[in-house]
PDB file of N, CA and C in Angstrom:
ATOM      1  N   MET A   1      74.978 130.808  97.102  1.00  0.00           N
ATOM      2  CA  MET A   1      75.140 132.116  97.534  1.00  0.00           C
ATOM      3  C   MET A   1      74.065 132.693  97.963  1.00  0.00           C
ATOM      4  N   ASN A   2      73.924 133.106  99.352  1.00  0.00           N
ATOM      5  CA  ASN A   2      72.572 133.579  99.774  1.00  0.00           C
ATOM      6  C   ASN A   2      72.696 135.243  99.854  1.00  0.00           C
ATOM      7  N   HIS A   3      71.614 135.655  99.126  1.00  0.00           N
ATOM      8  CA  HIS A   3      71.228 137.084  98.747  1.00  0.00           C
ATOM      9  C   HIS A   3      70.572 137.675  99.790  1.00  0.00           C
ATOM     10  N   ASN A   4      69.996 137.055 100.707  1.00  0.00           N
ATOM     11  CA  ASN A   4      69.199 137.768 101.862  1.00  0.00           C
ATOM     12  C   ASN A   4      69.968 137.347 103.086  1.00  0.00           C
ATOM     13  N   PRO A   5      70.457 138.677 103.541  1.00  0.00           N
ATOM     14  CA  PRO A   5      71.315 138.527 104.734  1.00  0.00           C
ATOM     15  C   PRO A   5      70.051 138.482 105.970  1.00  0.00           C
ATOM     16  N   GLU A   6      70.488 137.870 106.986  1.00  0.00           N
ATOM     17  CA  GLU A   6      69.690 137.738 108.223  1.00  0.00           C
ATOM     18  C   GLU A   6      69.551 138.880 108.926  1.00  0.00           C
ATOM     19  N   VAL A   7      68.297 139.220 109.303  1.00  0.00           N
ATOM     20  CA  VAL A   7      68.095 140.364 109.820  1.00  0.00           C
ATOM     21  C   VAL A   7      67.726 140.072 111.684  1.00  0.00           C
ATOM     22  N   ARG A   8      68.362 140.712 112.259  1.00  0.00           N
ATOM     23  CA  ARG A   8      68.081 140.366 113.697  1.00  0.00           C
ATOM     24  C   ARG A   8      67.113 141.276 114.328  1.00  0.00           C
ATOM     25  N   ARG A   9      66.123 141.211 115.105  1.00  0.00           N
ATOM     26  CA  ARG A   9      65.125 141.863 115.544  1.00  0.00           C
ATOM     27  C   ARG A   9      65.605 142.595 116.651  1.00  0.00           C
ATOM     28  N   LEU A  10      65.403 143.716 117.022  1.00  0.00           N
ATOM     29  CA  LEU A  10      65.602 144.153 118.505  1.00  0.00           C
ATOM     30  C   LEU A  10      64.911 143.579 119.594  1.00  0.00           C
ATOM     31  N   PRO A  11      65.552 143.364 120.752  1.00  0.00           N
ATOM     32  CA  PRO A  11      64.573 142.785 121.797  1.00  0.00           C
ATOM     33  C   PRO A  11      63.456 143.805 122.308  1.00  0.00           C
ATOM     34  N   LYS A  12      62.344 143.064 122.494  1.00  0.00           N
ATOM     35  CA  LYS A  12      61.238 144.063 123.187  1.00  0.00           C
ATOM     36  C   LYS A  12      61.553 145.028 124.262  1.00  0.00           C
ATOM     37  N   LYS A  13      62.381 144.672 125.193  1.00  0.00           N
ATOM     38  CA  LYS A  13      63.109 145.459 126.305  1.00  0.00           C
ATOM     39  C   LYS A  13      63.870 146.585 125.602  1.00  0.00           C
ATOM     40  N   THR A  14      64.729 146.358 124.614  1.00  0.00           N
ATOM     41  CA  THR A  14      65.313 147.439 124.105  1.00  0.00           C
ATOM     42  C   THR A  14      64.396 148.593 123.456  1.00  0.00           C
ATOM     43  N   VAL A  15      63.427 147.896 122.766  1.00  0.00           N
ATOM     44  CA  VAL A  15      62.567 148.725 122.015  1.00  0.00           C
ATOM     45  C   VAL A  15      61.699 149.621 122.968  1.00  0.00           C
ATOM     46  N   ALA A  16      61.339 149.059 124.214  1.00  0.00           N
ATOM     47  CA  ALA A  16      60.689 149.886 125.148  1.00  0.00           C
ATOM     48  C   ALA A  16      61.494 150.868 125.864  1.00  0.00           C
ATOM     49  N   ILE A  17      62.620 150.639 125.952  1.00  0.00           N
ATOM     50  CA  ILE A  17      63.716 151.548 126.783  1.00  0.00           C
ATOM     51  C   ILE A  17      63.567 152.843 125.604  1.00  0.00           C
ATOM     52  N   ILE A  18      63.835 152.531 124.451  1.00  0.00           N
ATOM     53  CA  ILE A  18      64.090 153.675 123.223  1.00  0.00           C
ATOM     54  C   ILE A  18      62.866 154.442 123.547  1.00  0.00           C
ATOM     55  N   ALA A  19      61.756 153.797 123.369  1.00  0.00           N
ATOM     56  CA  ALA A  19      60.337 154.658 123.210  1.00  0.00           C
ATOM     57  C   ALA A  19      60.274 155.423 124.555  1.00  0.00           C
ATOM     58  N   ILE A  20      60.693 154.759 125.972  1.00  0.00           N
ATOM     59  CA  ILE A  20      60.341 155.720 127.092  1.00  0.00           C
ATOM     60  C   ILE A  20      61.416 156.881 126.971  1.00  0.00           C
ATOM     61  N   MET A  21      62.752 156.565 126.441  1.00  0.00           N
ATOM     62  CA  MET A  21      63.636 157.725 126.441  1.00  0.00           C
ATOM     63  C   MET A  21      63.264 158.677 125.575  1.00  0.00           C
ATOM     64  N   SER A  22      62.524 158.462 124.540  1.00  0.00           N
ATOM     65  CA  SER A  22      62.086 159.551 123.425  1.00  0.00           C
ATOM     66  C   SER A  22      60.934 160.228 123.972  1.00  0.00           C
ATOM     67  N   ILE A  23      60.112 159.672 124.608  1.00  0.00           N
ATOM     68  CA  ILE A  23      58.983 160.329 125.395  1.00  0.00           C
ATOM     69  C   ILE A  23      59.226 161.161 126.269  1.00  0.00           C
ATOM     70  N   VAL A  24      60.205 160.901 127.159  1.00  0.00           N
ATOM     71  CA  VAL A  24      60.699 161.609 128.262  1.00  0.00           C
ATOM     72  C   VAL A  24      61.631 162.914 127.847  1.00  0.00           C
ATOM     73  N   THR A  25      62.227 162.762 126.583  1.00  0.00           N
ATOM     74  CA  THR A  25      62.976 163.687 125.949  1.00  0.00           C
ATOM     75  C   THR A  25      61.981 164.896 125.258  1.00  0.00           C
ATOM     76  N   ILE A  26      60.965 164.142 124.818  1.00  0.00           N
ATOM     77  CA  ILE A  26      60.025 165.135 124.262  1.00  0.00           C
ATOM     78  C   ILE A  26      59.173 166.023 125.052  1.00  0.00           C
ATOM     79  N   LEU A  27      59.052 165.562 126.275  1.00  0.00           N
ATOM     80  CA  LEU A  27      58.163 165.935 127.427  1.00  0.00           C
ATOM     81  C   LEU A  27      59.204 167.045 128.207  1.00  0.00           C
ATOM     82  N   GLY A  28      60.545 166.745 128.254  1.00  0.00           N
ATOM     83  CA  GLY A  28      61.426 167.779 128.781  1.00  0.00           C
ATOM     84  C   GLY A  28      61.520 168.767 127.843  1.00  0.00           C
ATOM     85  N   PHE A  29      61.627 168.754 126.628  1.00  0.00           N
ATOM     86  CA  PHE A  29      61.988 169.588 125.687  1.00  0.00           C
ATOM     87  C   PHE A  29      60.563 170.802 125.855  1.00  0.00           C
ATOM     88  N   GLY A  30      59.210 169.889 125.789  1.00  0.00           N
ATOM     89  CA  GLY A  30      58.294 170.868 125.969  1.00  0.00           C
ATOM     90  C   GLY A  30      58.029 171.742 127.268  1.00  0.00           C
ATOM     91  N   PHE A  31      58.569 171.322 128.240  1.00  0.00           N
ATOM     92  CA  PHE A  31      58.656 171.731 129.666  1.00  0.00           C
ATOM     93  C   PHE A  31      59.649 172.891 129.592  1.00  0.00           C
ATOM     94  N   VAL A  32      60.773 172.788 128.945  1.00  0.00           N
ATOM     95  CA  VAL A  32      61.776 173.975 128.918  1.00  0.00           C
ATOM     96  C   VAL A  32      61.318 175.137 128.152  1.00  0.00           C
ATOM     97  N   MET A  33      60.670 174.657 127.039  1.00  0.00           N
ATOM     98  CA  MET A  33      59.952 175.691 126.063  1.00  0.00           C
ATOM     99  C   MET A  33      59.041 176.339 126.733  1.00  0.00           C
ATOM    100  N   ILE A  34      58.031 175.806 127.404  1.00  0.00           N
ATOM    101  CA  ILE A  34      56.913 176.320 128.164  1.00  0.00           C
ATOM    102  C   ILE A  34      57.498 177.363 129.298  1.00  0.00           C
ATOM    103  N   THR A  35      58.444 176.781 130.073  1.00  0.00           N
ATOM    104  CA  THR A  35      58.799 177.679 131.163  1.00  0.00           C
ATOM    105  C   THR A  35      59.690 178.897 130.650  1.00  0.00           C
ATOM    106  N   LYS A  36      60.278 178.805 129.628  1.00  0.00           N
ATOM    107  CA  LYS A  36      61.397 179.789 129.125  1.00  0.00           C
ATOM    108  C   LYS A  36      60.334 180.859 128.460  1.00  0.00           C
ATOM    109  N   ASN A  37      59.150 180.401 127.827  1.00  0.00           N
ATOM    110  CA  ASN A  37      57.865 181.387 127.494  1.00  0.00           C
ATOM    111  C   ASN A  37      57.201 182.064 128.700  1.00  0.00           C
ATOM    112  N   LEU A  38      56.989 181.349 129.734  1.00  0.00           N
ATOM    113  CA  LEU A  38      56.404 182.050 130.921  1.00  0.00           C
ATOM    114  C   LEU A  38      57.411 183.000 131.438  1.00  0.00           C
ATOM    115  N   LYS A  39      58.318 182.683 131.755  1.00  0.00           N
ATOM    116  CA  LYS A  39      59.378 183.592 132.105  1.00  0.00           C
ATOM    117  C   LYS A  39      59.466 184.820 131.501  1.00  0.00           C
ATOM    118  N   MET A  40      59.622 184.890 130.115  1.00  0.00           N
ATOM    119  CA  MET A  40      59.760 185.929 129.467  1.00  0.00           C
ATOM    120  C   MET A  40      58.495 186.912 129.330  1.00  0.00           C
ATOM    121  N   GLU A  41      57.247 185.974 129.509  1.00  0.00           N
ATOM    122  CA  GLU A  41      55.980 186.772 129.522  1.00  0.00           C
ATOM    123  C   GLU A  41      56.226 187.629 130.914  1.00  0.00           C
ATOM    124  N   GLU A  42      56.664 186.945 131.852  1.00  0.00           N
ATOM    125  CA  GLU A  42      56.533 187.644 133.254  1.00  0.00           C
ATOM    126  C   GLU A  42      57.665 189.122 133.168  1.00  0.00           C
ATOM    127  N   VAL A  43      58.726 188.967 132.452  1.00  0.00           N
ATOM    128  CA  VAL A  43      59.613 189.849 132.211  1.00  0.00           C
ATOM    129  C   VAL A  43      59.107 190.994 131.468  1.00  0.00           C
ATOM    130  N   LEU A  44      58.273 190.673 130.429  1.00  0.00           N
ATOM    131  CA  LEU A  44      57.827 191.628 129.556  1.00  0.00           C
ATOM    132  C   LEU A  44      56.626 192.271 130.231  1.00  0.00           C
ATOM    133  N   ASN A  45      55.783 191.590 131.143  1.00  0.00           N
ATOM    134  CA  ASN A  45      54.904 192.337 131.933  1.00  0.00           C
ATOM    135  C   ASN A  45      55.464 193.297 132.688  1.00  0.00           C
ATOM    136  N   ASN A  46      56.824 193.174 133.379  1.00  0.00           N
ATOM    137  CA  ASN A  46      57.270 194.076 134.152  1.00  0.00           C
ATOM    138  C   ASN A  46      58.051 195.225 133.293  1.00  0.00           C
ATOM    139  N   LEU A  47      58.232 194.980 132.146  1.00  0.00           N
ATOM    140  CA  LEU A  47      58.966 196.163 131.116  1.00  0.00           C
ATOM    141  C   LEU A  47      57.641 196.894 130.594  1.00  0.00           C
ATOM    142  N   GLY A  48      56.469 196.676 130.853  1.00  0.00           N
ATOM    143  CA  GLY A  48      55.385 197.659 130.414  1.00  0.00           C
ATOM    144  C   GLY A  48      54.359 196.748 129.358  1.00  0.00           C
ATOM    145  N   HIS A  49      54.653 195.506 128.961  1.00  0.00           N
ATOM    146  CA  HIS A  49      53.711 195.026 127.990  1.00  0.00           C
ATOM    147  C   HIS A  49      52.678 194.160 128.864  1.00  0.00           C
ATOM    148  N   LYS A  50      51.628 194.700 129.336  1.00  0.00           N
ATOM    149  CA  LYS A  50      50.914 193.785 130.133  1.00  0.00           C
ATOM    150  C   LYS A  50      49.849 192.891 129.558  1.00  0.00           C
ATOM    151  N   ASP A  51      49.318 193.025 128.347  1.00  0.00           N
ATOM    152  CA  ASP A  51      48.332 192.056 127.750  1.00  0.00           C
ATOM    153  C   ASP A  51      49.057 191.339 126.427  1.00  0.00           C
ATOM    154  N   ILE A  52      49.719 190.430 126.339  1.00  0.00           N
ATOM    155  CA  ILE A  52      50.310 189.855 125.388  1.00  0.00           C
ATOM    156  C   ILE A  52      49.871 188.594 125.244  1.00  0.00           C
ATOM    157  N   SER A  53      50.155 188.112 123.756  1.00  0.00           N
ATOM    158  CA  SER A  53      49.907 186.637 123.636  1.00  0.00           C
ATOM    159  C   SER A  53      50.818 186.131 122.599  1.00  0.00           C
ATOM    160  N   ASN A  54      50.606 184.685 122.174  1.00  0.00           N
ATOM    161  CA  ASN A  54      51.586 184.206 121.345  1.00  0.00           C
ATOM    162  C   ASN A  54      53.092 184.618 121.495  1.00  0.00           C
ATOM    163  N   ILE A  55      53.633 184.544 122.847  1.00  0.00           N
ATOM    164  CA  ILE A  55      54.868 184.897 122.889  1.00  0.00           C
ATOM    165  C   ILE A  55      55.798 183.543 122.527  1.00  0.00           C
ATOM    166  N   LYS A  56      57.009 184.121 122.016  1.00  0.00           N
ATOM    167  CA  LYS A  56      58.221 182.994 121.529  1.00  0.00           C
ATOM    168  C   LYS A  56      59.264 183.424 121.704  1.00  0.00           C
ATOM    169  N   VAL A  57      60.081 182.865 122.476  1.00  0.00           N
ATOM    170  CA  VAL A  57      61.604 183.208 122.366  1.00  0.00           C
ATOM    171  C   VAL A  57      62.134 182.641 121.067  1.00  0.00           C
ATOM    172  N   VAL A  58      62.699 183.394 120.206  1.00  0.00           N
ATOM    173  CA  VAL A  58      63.193 183.065 119.032  1.00  0.00           C
ATOM    174  C   VAL A  58      64.770 182.357 119.382  1.00  0.00           C
ATOM    175  N   ASN A  59      65.437 183.229 120.095  1.00  0.00           N
ATOM    176  CA  ASN A  59      66.969 182.887 120.264  1.00  0.00           C
ATOM    177  C   ASN A  59      67.481 183.489 121.558  1.00  0.00           C
ATOM    178  N   ARG A  60      68.606 182.968 122.076  1.00  0.00           N
ATOM    179  CA  ARG A  60      69.213 183.306 123.264  1.00  0.00           C
ATOM    180  C   ARG A  60      70.674 183.306 122.954  1.00  0.00           C
ATOM    181  N   MET A  61      71.311 184.418 123.254  1.00  0.00           N
ATOM    182  CA  MET A  61      72.595 184.653 122.796  1.00  0.00           C
ATOM    183  C   MET A  61      73.377 185.255 124.039  1.00  0.00           C
ATOM    184  N   SER A  62      74.632 184.598 124.258  1.00  0.00           N
ATOM    185  CA  SER A  62      75.479 185.145 125.385  1.00  0.00           C
ATOM    186  C   SER A  62      76.180 186.211 124.661  1.00  0.00           C
ATOM    187  N   VAL A  63      76.260 187.410 125.180  1.00  0.00           N
ATOM    188  CA  VAL A  63      77.123 188.401 124.604  1.00  0.00           C
ATOM    189  C   VAL A  63      78.263 189.051 125.725  1.00  0.00           C
ATOM    190  N   GLU A  64      79.087 189.769 125.321  1.00  0.00           N
ATOM    191  CA  GLU A  64      80.171 190.302 126.184  1.00  0.00           C
ATOM    192  C   GLU A  64      80.472 191.673 125.681  1.00  0.00           C
ATOM    193  N   ASP A  65      80.492 192.507 126.556  1.00  0.00           N
ATOM    194  CA  ASP A  65      81.084 193.876 126.241  1.00  0.00           C
ATOM    195  C   ASP A  65      82.480 194.096 126.065  1.00  0.00           C
ATOM    196  N   THR A  66      82.929 194.609 124.830  1.00  0.00           N
ATOM    197  CA  THR A  66      84.332 194.575 124.539  1.00  0.00           C
ATOM    198  C   THR A  66      85.425 195.286 125.420  1.00  0.00           C
ATOM    199  N   GLN A  67      84.678 196.454 125.929  1.00  0.00           N
ATOM    200  CA  GLN A  67      85.440 197.224 126.639  1.00  0.00           C
ATOM    201  C   GLN A  67      85.443 196.780 128.120  1.00  0.00           C
ATOM    202  N   THR A  68      84.359 196.391 128.796  1.00  0.00           N
ATOM    203  CA  THR A  68      84.326 196.195 130.130  1.00  0.00           C
ATOM    204  C   THR A  68      84.451 194.492 130.439  1.00  0.00           C
ATOM    205  N   LYS A  69      84.407 193.577 129.312  1.00  0.00           N
ATOM    206  CA  LYS A  69      84.496 192.280 129.363  1.00  0.00           C
ATOM    207  C   LYS A  69      83.204 191.537 130.456  1.00  0.00           C
ATOM    208  N   VAL A  70      82.026 192.438 130.436  1.00  0.00           N
ATOM    209  CA  VAL A  70      81.002 191.949 131.308  1.00  0.00           C
ATOM    210  C   VAL A  70      80.219 191.165 130.379  1.00  0.00           C
ATOM    211  N   LYS A  71      79.980 190.043 130.960  1.00  0.00           N
ATOM    212  CA  LYS A  71      78.982 189.054 130.223  1.00  0.00           C
ATOM    213  C   LYS A  71      77.491 189.254 130.534  1.00  0.00           C
ATOM    214  N   SER A  72      76.651 188.982 129.596  1.00  0.00           N
ATOM    215  CA  SER A  72      75.357 189.374 129.631  1.00  0.00           C
ATOM    216  C   SER A  72      74.492 188.248 128.648  1.00  0.00           C
ATOM    217  N   THR A  73      73.239 188.332 128.792  1.00  0.00           N
ATOM    218  CA  THR A  73      72.268 187.633 127.764  1.00  0.00           C
ATOM    219  C   THR A  73      71.385 188.298 127.016  1.00  0.00           C
ATOM    220  N   VAL A  74      71.162 188.104 125.776  1.00  0.00           N
ATOM    221  CA  VAL A  74      70.172 188.979 125.227  1.00  0.00           C
ATOM    222  C   VAL A  74      69.098 187.589 124.517  1.00  0.00           C
ATOM    223  N   TYR A  75      68.048 188.052 124.607  1.00  0.00           N
ATOM    224  CA  TYR A  75      66.614 187.294 123.914  1.00  0.00           C
ATOM    225  C   TYR A  75      65.998 187.834 123.125  1.00  0.00           C
ATOM    226  N   LYS A  76      65.702 187.201 121.838  1.00  0.00           N
ATOM    227  CA  LYS A  76      65.022 187.708 120.781  1.00  0.00           C
ATOM    228  C   LYS A  76      63.731 187.110 121.004  1.00  0.00           C
ATOM    229  N   VAL A  77      62.763 187.830 120.889  1.00  0.00           N
ATOM    230  CA  VAL A  77      61.406 187.547 121.332  1.00  0.00           C
ATOM    231  C   VAL A  77      60.534 188.010 120.053  1.00  0.00           C
ATOM    232  N   THR A  78      59.279 187.432 120.067  1.00  0.00           N
ATOM    233  CA  THR A  78      57.911 187.961 119.054  1.00  0.00           C
ATOM    234  C   THR A  78      56.882 187.499 119.981  1.00  0.00           C
ATOM    235  N   PHE A  79      55.835 188.682 119.981  1.00  0.00           N
ATOM    236  CA  PHE A  79      54.503 188.224 120.671  1.00  0.00           C
ATOM    237  C   PHE A  79      53.653 189.507 120.067  1.00  0.00           C
ATOM    238  N   PHE A  80      52.461 189.181 120.423  1.00  0.00           N
ATOM    239  CA  PHE A  80      51.405 189.985 119.916  1.00  0.00           C
ATOM    240  C   PHE A  80      50.836 190.895 121.102  1.00  0.00           C
ATOM    241  N   ASP A  81      50.917 192.114 121.044  1.00  0.00           N
ATOM    242  CA  ASP A  81      50.388 192.953 122.143  1.00  0.00           C
ATOM    243  C   ASP A  81      48.853 193.323 121.950  1.00  0.00           C
ATOM    244  N   LYS A  82      48.042 192.856 122.764  1.00  0.00           N
ATOM    245  CA  LYS A  82      46.702 193.125 122.627  1.00  0.00           C
ATOM    246  C   LYS A  82      46.204 194.395 122.799  1.00  0.00           C
ATOM    247  N   THR A  83      46.892 195.250 123.601  1.00  0.00           N
ATOM    248  CA  THR A  83      46.346 196.534 123.866  1.00  0.00           C
ATOM    249  C   THR A  83      46.825 197.375 122.653  1.00  0.00           C
ATOM    250  N   LEU A  84      47.986 197.233 122.221  1.00  0.00           N
ATOM    251  CA  LEU A  84      48.289 197.854 120.953  1.00  0.00           C
ATOM    252  C   LEU A  84      47.928 197.369 119.731  1.00  0.00           C
ATOM    253  N   HIS A  85      47.186 196.328 119.678  1.00  0.00           N
ATOM    254  CA  HIS A  85      46.804 195.454 118.513  1.00  0.00           C
ATOM    255  C   HIS A  85      47.639 195.390 117.367  1.00  0.00           C
ATOM    256  N   LYS A  86      49.077 195.118 117.983  1.00  0.00           N
ATOM    257  CA  LYS A  86      50.413 195.184 116.865  1.00  0.00           C
ATOM    258  C   LYS A  86      51.140 193.710 117.038  1.00  0.00           C
ATOM    259  N   GLU A  87      51.839 193.385 116.060  1.00  0.00           N
ATOM    260  CA  GLU A  87      52.713 192.174 116.234  1.00  0.00           C
ATOM    261  C   GLU A  87      54.077 192.875 116.691  1.00  0.00           C
ATOM    262  N   CYS A  88      54.751 192.263 117.718  1.00  0.00           N
ATOM    263  CA  CYS A  88      55.924 193.060 118.256  1.00  0.00           C
ATOM    264  C   CYS A  88      57.188 192.035 117.919  1.00  0.00           C
ATOM    265  N   ILE A  89      58.324 192.488 117.887  1.00  0.00           N
ATOM    266  CA  ILE A  89      59.742 191.841 117.877  1.00  0.00           C
ATOM    267  C   ILE A  89      60.660 192.725 118.119  1.00  0.00           C
ATOM    268  N   GLY A  90      61.540 192.043 118.804  1.00  0.00           N
ATOM    269  CA  GLY A  90      62.847 192.829 119.630  1.00  0.00           C
ATOM    270  C   GLY A  90      63.509 191.790 120.603  1.00  0.00           C
ATOM    271  N   PHE A  91      64.352 192.906 121.290  1.00  0.00           N
ATOM    272  CA  PHE A  91      65.387 192.085 122.162  1.00  0.00           C
ATOM    273  C   PHE A  91      65.163 192.419 123.473  1.00  0.00           C
ATOM    274  N   VAL A  92      65.337 191.700 124.376  1.00  0.00           N
ATOM    275  CA  VAL A  92      65.326 191.749 125.782  1.00  0.00           C
ATOM    276  C   VAL A  92      66.725 191.443 126.326  1.00  0.00           C
ATOM    277  N   HIS A  93      67.317 192.270 126.890  1.00  0.00           N
ATOM    278  CA  HIS A  93      68.522 192.244 127.420  1.00  0.00           C
ATOM    279  C   HIS A  93      68.746 192.024 128.990  1.00  0.00           C
ATOM    280  N   ARG A  94      69.327 190.987 129.341  1.00  0.00           N
ATOM    281  CA  ARG A  94      69.582 190.792 130.879  1.00  0.00           C
ATOM    282  C   ARG A  94      70.743 190.805 131.108  1.00  0.00           C
ATOM    283  N   SER A  95      71.124 192.021 132.162  1.00  0.00           N
ATOM    284  CA  SER A  95      72.403 192.282 132.455  1.00  0.00           C
ATOM    285  C   SER A  95      72.842 190.904 133.609  1.00  0.00           C
ATOM    286  N   ASN A  96      74.440 191.109 133.687  1.00  0.00           N
ATOM    287  CA  ASN A  96      74.818 190.245 134.847  1.00  0.00           C
ATOM    288  C   ASN A  96      74.359 190.492 136.233  1.00  0.00           C
ATOM    289  N   GLU A  97      73.568 191.548 136.530  1.00  0.00           N
ATOM    290  CA  GLU A  97      73.071 191.498 137.681  1.00  0.00           C
ATOM    291  C   GLU A  97      71.657 191.386 137.919  1.00  0.00           C
ATOM    292  N   GLY A  98      71.033 190.998 136.689  1.00  0.00           N
ATOM    293  CA  GLY A  98      69.782 190.167 136.615  1.00  0.00           C
ATOM    294  C   GLY A  98      68.609 191.401 136.326  1.00  0.00           C
ATOM    295  N   ASN A  99      68.922 192.684 135.942  1.00  0.00           N
ATOM    296  CA  ASN A  99      68.295 193.791 135.406  1.00  0.00           C
ATOM    297  C   ASN A  99      67.926 193.577 134.025  1.00  0.00           C
ATOM    298  N   TYR A 100      66.469 193.763 133.656  1.00  0.00           N
ATOM    299  CA  TYR A 100      66.260 193.613 132.361  1.00  0.00           C
ATOM    300  C   TYR A 100      65.809 195.026 131.430  1.00  0.00           C
ATOM    301  N   THR A 101      66.187 195.004 130.443  1.00  0.00           N
ATOM    302  CA  THR A 101      65.885 196.118 129.302  1.00  0.00           C
ATOM    303  C   THR A 101      65.365 195.691 128.078  1.00  0.00           C
ATOM    304  N   LYS A 102      64.626 196.501 127.200  1.00  0.00           N
ATOM    305  CA  LYS A 102      64.027 195.938 126.174  1.00  0.00           C
ATOM    306  C   LYS A 102      64.371 196.998 124.969  1.00  0.00           C
ATOM    307  N   ASP A 103      64.518 196.555 123.935  1.00  0.00           N
ATOM    308  CA  ASP A 103      64.616 197.071 122.481  1.00  0.00           C
ATOM    309  C   ASP A 103      63.401 196.324 121.620  1.00  0.00           C
ATOM    310  N   ILE A 104      62.166 196.968 121.649  1.00  0.00           N
ATOM    311  CA  ILE A 104      61.161 196.162 120.918  1.00  0.00           C
ATOM    312  C   ILE A 104      60.331 197.098 119.984  1.00  0.00           C
ATOM    313  N   ASP A 105      60.174 196.685 118.722  1.00  0.00           N
ATOM    314  CA  ASP A 105      59.463 197.272 117.827  1.00  0.00           C
ATOM    315  C   ASP A 105      58.097 196.719 117.580  1.00  0.00           C
ATOM    316  N   CYS A 106      57.059 197.568 117.380  1.00  0.00           N
ATOM    317  CA  CYS A 106      55.574 196.848 117.440  1.00  0.00           C
ATOM    318  C   CYS A 106      55.004 197.564 115.937  1.00  0.00           C
ATOM    319  N   LYS A 107      54.689 196.683 115.278  1.00  0.00           N
ATOM    320  CA  LYS A 107      54.000 197.172 113.812  1.00  0.00           C
ATOM    321  C   LYS A 107      52.827 196.650 113.566  1.00  0.00           C
TER     322      LYS A 107
END
């Protein structure tokens, strides 16, 4: 009775393909995160927060007005406002027409 089952090794070609796919996925995720943060930095700049750092888009939610059935997007963001010297957290609302509004609290 053989207690040691035979283990087949993956071919080198398969290992290389898995490694390349993993690297491309990580790079793609990083690119999406960076571009999302840069876009939100631009939006916050237009909304009056000119000198900010450490911006992070925490969450993105699709919302719908119950009365008008109009869909829009809400982003939860955190950042440090250098002019106020305060940490800020809040929501940026993007309407279906592309207009942005903010509800941000800085402490």
